[in-house]
Protein backbone atom coordinates (compact mmCIF):
# COMPACT_ATOMS: atom_id res chain seq x y z
CA MET A 1 0.10 -30.19 7.39
CA SER A 2 -0.52 -30.19 3.38
CA LYS A 3 0.96 -27.59 1.08
CA LEU A 4 -0.42 -24.54 -0.06
CA TYR A 5 -1.35 -23.33 -3.36
CA ALA A 6 -1.47 -19.64 -4.03
CA VAL A 7 -4.62 -19.17 -7.12
CA ILE A 8 -4.13 -15.76 -9.10
CA ARG A 9 -6.76 -15.16 -11.38
CA VAL A 10 -5.20 -13.36 -14.52
CA ARG A 11 -8.16 -13.25 -17.43
CA GLY A 12 -11.91 -12.09 -17.85
CA THR A 13 -15.14 -13.88 -18.03
CA VAL A 14 -15.89 -12.80 -21.58
CA GLY A 15 -16.40 -16.13 -23.73
CA ILE A 16 -16.08 -18.14 -21.36
CA ARG A 17 -18.40 -21.30 -20.79
CA LYS A 18 -20.70 -21.61 -17.97
CA GLU A 19 -19.16 -24.45 -16.12
CA ILE A 20 -15.81 -22.69 -16.48
CA VAL A 21 -17.71 -19.54 -14.51
CA TYR A 22 -18.97 -22.06 -11.87
CA THR A 23 -15.37 -22.91 -11.23
CA LEU A 24 -13.85 -20.13 -10.84
CA THR A 25 -16.71 -18.74 -8.69
CA SER A 26 -16.29 -21.78 -6.29
CA LEU A 27 -12.78 -20.72 -6.07
CA LYS A 28 -13.97 -17.08 -5.00
CA LEU A 29 -12.08 -16.01 -8.29
CA THR A 30 -14.53 -13.35 -9.32
CA LYS A 31 -12.36 -10.69 -10.85
CA PRO A 32 -9.03 -10.76 -12.47
CA ASN A 33 -6.20 -10.02 -10.30
CA HIS A 34 -7.97 -11.69 -7.57
CA CYS A 35 -5.95 -14.37 -5.23
CA VAL A 36 -6.82 -16.96 -2.99
CA ILE A 37 -4.99 -19.17 -0.80
CA ILE A 38 -6.15 -23.25 -0.85
CA PRO A 39 -5.10 -26.34 0.19
CA GLU A 40 -3.46 -29.12 -1.59
CA ASN A 41 -6.13 -31.99 -2.21
CA VAL A 42 -7.75 -33.61 -5.08
CA HIS A 43 -11.06 -31.88 -5.35
CA MET A 44 -9.03 -28.33 -5.10
CA THR A 45 -6.20 -29.90 -8.02
CA GLY A 46 -9.41 -30.67 -10.48
CA MET A 47 -10.89 -27.01 -10.09
CA LEU A 48 -7.59 -25.87 -10.86
CA LYS A 49 -6.99 -28.28 -13.96
CA LYS A 50 -10.09 -27.01 -15.01
CA ALA A 51 -10.11 -23.32 -15.02
CA LYS A 52 -6.05 -23.67 -15.98
CA ASP A 53 -6.82 -21.27 -18.78
CA TYR A 54 -8.05 -18.54 -16.99
CA ILE A 55 -5.62 -18.60 -13.59
CA THR A 56 -2.59 -19.15 -12.41
CA TRP A 57 -1.16 -20.96 -9.16
CA GLY A 58 1.73 -22.78 -7.46
CA GLU A 59 3.17 -23.00 -4.03
CA ILE A 60 3.27 -20.13 -1.99
CA SER A 61 6.28 -19.81 0.75
CA ASP A 62 5.55 -18.62 4.07
CA GLU A 63 7.24 -15.40 3.43
CA SER A 64 5.18 -14.46 0.60
CA LEU A 65 2.34 -15.84 3.14
CA LYS A 66 3.34 -13.33 5.41
CA THR A 67 3.37 -10.41 2.91
CA LEU A 68 0.55 -11.16 1.80
CA ILE A 69 -2.03 -10.92 4.68
CA ALA A 70 0.45 -7.92 6.09
CA LYS A 71 -0.24 -5.72 2.93
CA ARG A 72 -3.38 -7.29 1.23
CA GLY A 73 -5.43 -9.21 4.35
CA LYS A 74 -8.67 -7.26 4.97
CA VAL A 75 -10.67 -8.05 7.85
CA SER A 76 -13.80 -5.90 6.90
CA SER A 77 -14.35 -4.43 2.86
CA SER A 78 -12.45 -0.89 3.82
CA LYS A 79 -10.26 -2.18 6.87
CA PHE A 80 -6.86 -3.60 6.66
CA ILE A 81 -5.43 -6.44 9.04
CA ASP A 82 -3.91 -4.91 12.50
CA PRO A 83 -0.20 -5.72 12.01
CA LYS A 84 -0.36 -7.25 15.85
CA ASP A 85 -2.63 -10.04 14.41
CA VAL A 86 -0.54 -11.23 11.49
CA SER A 87 1.62 -13.89 13.03
CA SER A 88 -2.39 -15.30 14.47
CA ALA A 89 -3.63 -15.55 11.11
CA LEU A 90 -0.85 -17.21 9.46
CA LYS A 91 -0.77 -19.92 11.90
CA LYS A 92 -4.35 -20.25 10.89
CA PHE A 93 -3.84 -20.19 7.34
CA LYS A 94 -1.09 -22.69 7.75
CA ASP A 95 -3.60 -25.25 9.42
CA GLY A 96 -6.00 -24.87 7.07
CA LYS A 97 -8.45 -23.24 9.04
CA ALA A 98 -8.80 -19.84 7.03
CA LYS A 99 -12.39 -18.74 7.63
CA ASP A 100 -11.34 -18.64 11.39
CA SER A 101 -8.55 -16.05 10.90
CA GLY A 102 -11.03 -13.18 10.87
CA ILE A 103 -9.97 -12.01 7.76
CA LYS A 104 -11.02 -12.21 3.98
CA THR A 105 -10.02 -15.05 2.17
CA VAL A 106 -9.86 -13.28 -0.93
CA PHE A 107 -6.58 -11.03 -1.57
CA MET A 108 -7.12 -8.08 -4.09
CA LEU A 109 -3.71 -7.47 -5.71
CA HIS A 110 -2.40 -4.79 -8.34
CA PRO A 111 -1.57 -5.84 -11.95
CA PRO A 112 1.76 -6.94 -12.00
CA ILE A 113 4.80 -3.98 -11.74
CA LYS A 114 6.44 -4.41 -15.19
CA GLY A 115 3.55 -6.53 -16.92
CA HIS A 116 2.91 -10.57 -17.15
CA GLU A 117 5.66 -12.39 -18.72
CA ARG A 118 6.93 -12.02 -22.22
CA GLY A 119 4.26 -14.22 -23.58
CA GLY A 120 1.11 -12.62 -22.53
CA ILE A 121 -2.09 -13.73 -21.01
CA LYS A 122 -2.79 -16.33 -23.83
CA ARG A 123 -0.38 -18.52 -23.20
CA SER A 124 0.67 -21.14 -20.36
CA PHE A 125 3.81 -20.80 -18.18
CA VAL A 126 5.28 -23.56 -20.32
CA GLN A 127 5.53 -21.65 -23.82
CA LYS A 128 6.81 -18.61 -21.80
CA GLY A 129 3.38 -16.86 -20.88
CA VAL A 130 1.09 -16.83 -17.41
CA LEU A 131 -1.51 -19.49 -17.03
CA GLY A 132 -1.53 -22.52 -15.50
CA TYR A 133 1.05 -24.37 -12.83
CA ARG A 134 4.04 -22.57 -12.32
CA GLY A 135 5.65 -24.07 -9.03
CA ASP A 136 7.85 -21.52 -6.76
CA LYS A 137 7.75 -19.32 -9.36
CA ILE A 138 4.62 -18.18 -7.89
CA ASN A 139 6.26 -16.03 -5.66
CA ASP A 140 7.93 -14.09 -8.01
CA LEU A 141 4.64 -12.83 -9.28
CA LEU A 142 3.07 -12.26 -5.81
CA ALA A 143 6.03 -10.02 -5.08
CA LYS A 144 5.63 -8.12 -8.25
CA MET A 145 1.65 -7.98 -7.87
CA ILE A 146 1.83 -7.05 -3.70
């Protein structure tokens, strides 16, 4: 079992190069405040690095993944997941079979409560902003957005 990354799109598409728009579309991040769960591998890491100026990502904990699936998991466009099915969907996400779980792989989140970090959405996480790799701190941002 490999690590799972939670990837959140932070910025919009105005003025983006076409190759980055294609990368974000391949990641299924078509709008700001959308989140996807992806496995860690060479291909996904390359895509994350290419779109680092528009997304943030990090390793998601089991508790955050369970909360995300329970509160934001959708079976269809308007129907949320049944609370009884959360544990089976969580197991399939951990095994890397998210498509077989029966829920949509894109989670629509709210903007974060009390806003993003002090640096804003145009700076990297290292510079006290939001963008780029943030490690375990992604769980704090997810808690603010769920």
